[in-house]
């Protein structure tokens, strides 16, 4: 059961990071790309945790 909570938390963090990337795209492209990369890592971690 606790493994599912970790994956859910990682997905929530990924959503937060993706929203930050979307909102900073016009002001700072480098930061937006970094946040998008971190969001992709968080999603990958959640999928790996569930597998």
C-alpha atoms as a PDB file:
ATOM      1  CA  UNK A   1       0.000   0.000   0.000  1.00  0.00           C
ATOM      2  CA  UNK A   2       2.761   2.497   0.839  1.00  0.00           C
ATOM      3  CA  UNK A   3       4.377   2.006  -2.590  1.00  0.00           C
ATOM      4  CA  UNK A   4       1.246   3.316  -4.215  1.00  0.00           C
ATOM      5  CA  UNK A   5       1.401   6.444  -2.065  1.00  0.00           C
ATOM      6  CA  UNK A   6       4.966   7.108  -3.150  1.00  0.00           C
ATOM      7  CA  UNK A   7       3.993   6.767  -6.809  1.00  0.00           C
ATOM      8  CA  UNK A   8       1.002   9.056  -6.273  1.00  0.00           C
ATOM      9  CA  UNK A   9       3.236  11.629  -4.578  1.00  0.00           C
ATOM     10  CA  UNK A  10       5.713  11.465  -7.466  1.00  0.00           C
ATOM     11  CA  UNK A  11       2.898  12.016  -9.956  1.00  0.00           C
ATOM     12  CA  UNK A  12       1.688  15.004  -7.938  1.00  0.00           C
ATOM     13  CA  UNK A  13       5.204  16.464  -7.925  1.00  0.00           C
ATOM     14  CA  UNK A  14       5.412  15.865 -11.680  1.00  0.00           C
ATOM     15  CA  UNK A  15       2.166  17.764 -12.203  1.00  0.00           C
ATOM     16  CA  UNK A  16       3.420  20.628 -10.078  1.00  0.00           C
ATOM     17  CA  UNK A  17       6.674  20.761 -12.035  1.00  0.00           C
ATOM     18  CA  UNK A  18       4.883  20.562 -15.388  1.00  0.00           C
ATOM     19  CA  UNK A  19       2.629  23.444 -14.356  1.00  0.00           C
ATOM     20  CA  UNK A  20       5.681  25.459 -13.384  1.00  0.00           C
ATOM     21  CA  UNK A  21       7.289  24.711 -16.726  1.00  0.00           C
ATOM     22  CA  UNK A  22       4.163  25.831 -18.560  1.00  0.00           C
ATOM     23  CA  UNK A  23       3.866  29.052 -16.584  1.00  0.00           C
ATOM     24  CA  UNK A  24       7.533  30.036 -16.961  1.00  0.00           C
ATOM     25  CA  UNK A  25       7.819  29.251 -20.679  1.00  0.00           C
ATOM     26  CA  UNK A  26       7.437  32.879 -21.838  1.00  0.00           C
ATOM     27  CA  UNK A  27       9.792  34.350 -19.228  1.00  0.00           C
ATOM     28  CA  UNK A  28      12.626  31.856 -18.974  1.00  0.00           C
ATOM     29  CA  UNK A  29      12.874  29.063 -21.523  1.00  0.00           C
ATOM     30  CA  UNK A  30      15.906  27.463 -19.860  1.00  0.00           C
ATOM     31  CA  UNK A  31      14.117  27.183 -16.521  1.00  0.00           C
ATOM     32  CA  UNK A  32      11.007  25.840 -18.226  1.00  0.00           C
ATOM     33  CA  UNK A  33      13.026  23.141 -19.981  1.00  0.00           C
ATOM     34  CA  UNK A  34      14.703  22.236 -16.694  1.00  0.00           C
ATOM     35  CA  UNK A  35      11.353  21.980 -14.935  1.00  0.00           C
ATOM     36  CA  UNK A  36       9.955  19.890 -17.777  1.00  0.00           C
ATOM     37  CA  UNK A  37      12.927  17.539 -17.556  1.00  0.00           C
ATOM     38  CA  UNK A  38      12.417  17.209 -13.791  1.00  0.00           C
ATOM     39  CA  UNK A  39       8.726  16.479 -14.364  1.00  0.00           C
ATOM     40  CA  UNK A  40       9.623  13.756 -16.864  1.00  0.00           C
ATOM     41  CA  UNK A  41      12.017  12.245 -14.333  1.00  0.00           C
ATOM     42  CA  UNK A  42       9.310  12.270 -11.666  1.00  0.00           C
ATOM     43  CA  UNK A  43       6.850  10.524 -14.000  1.00  0.00           C
ATOM     44  CA  UNK A  44       9.503   7.984 -14.918  1.00  0.00           C
ATOM     45  CA  UNK A  45      10.211   7.383 -11.261  1.00  0.00           C
ATOM     46  CA  UNK A  46       6.526   6.858 -10.517  1.00  0.00           C
ATOM     47  CA  UNK A  47       6.163   4.384 -13.360  1.00  0.00           C
ATOM     48  CA  UNK A  48       9.301   2.545 -12.267  1.00  0.00           C
ATOM     49  CA  UNK A  49       8.064   2.474  -8.678  1.00  0.00           C
ATOM     50  CA  UNK A  50       4.778   0.893  -9.734  1.00  0.00           C
ATOM     51  CA  UNK A  51       6.460  -1.660 -12.019  1.00  0.00           C
END
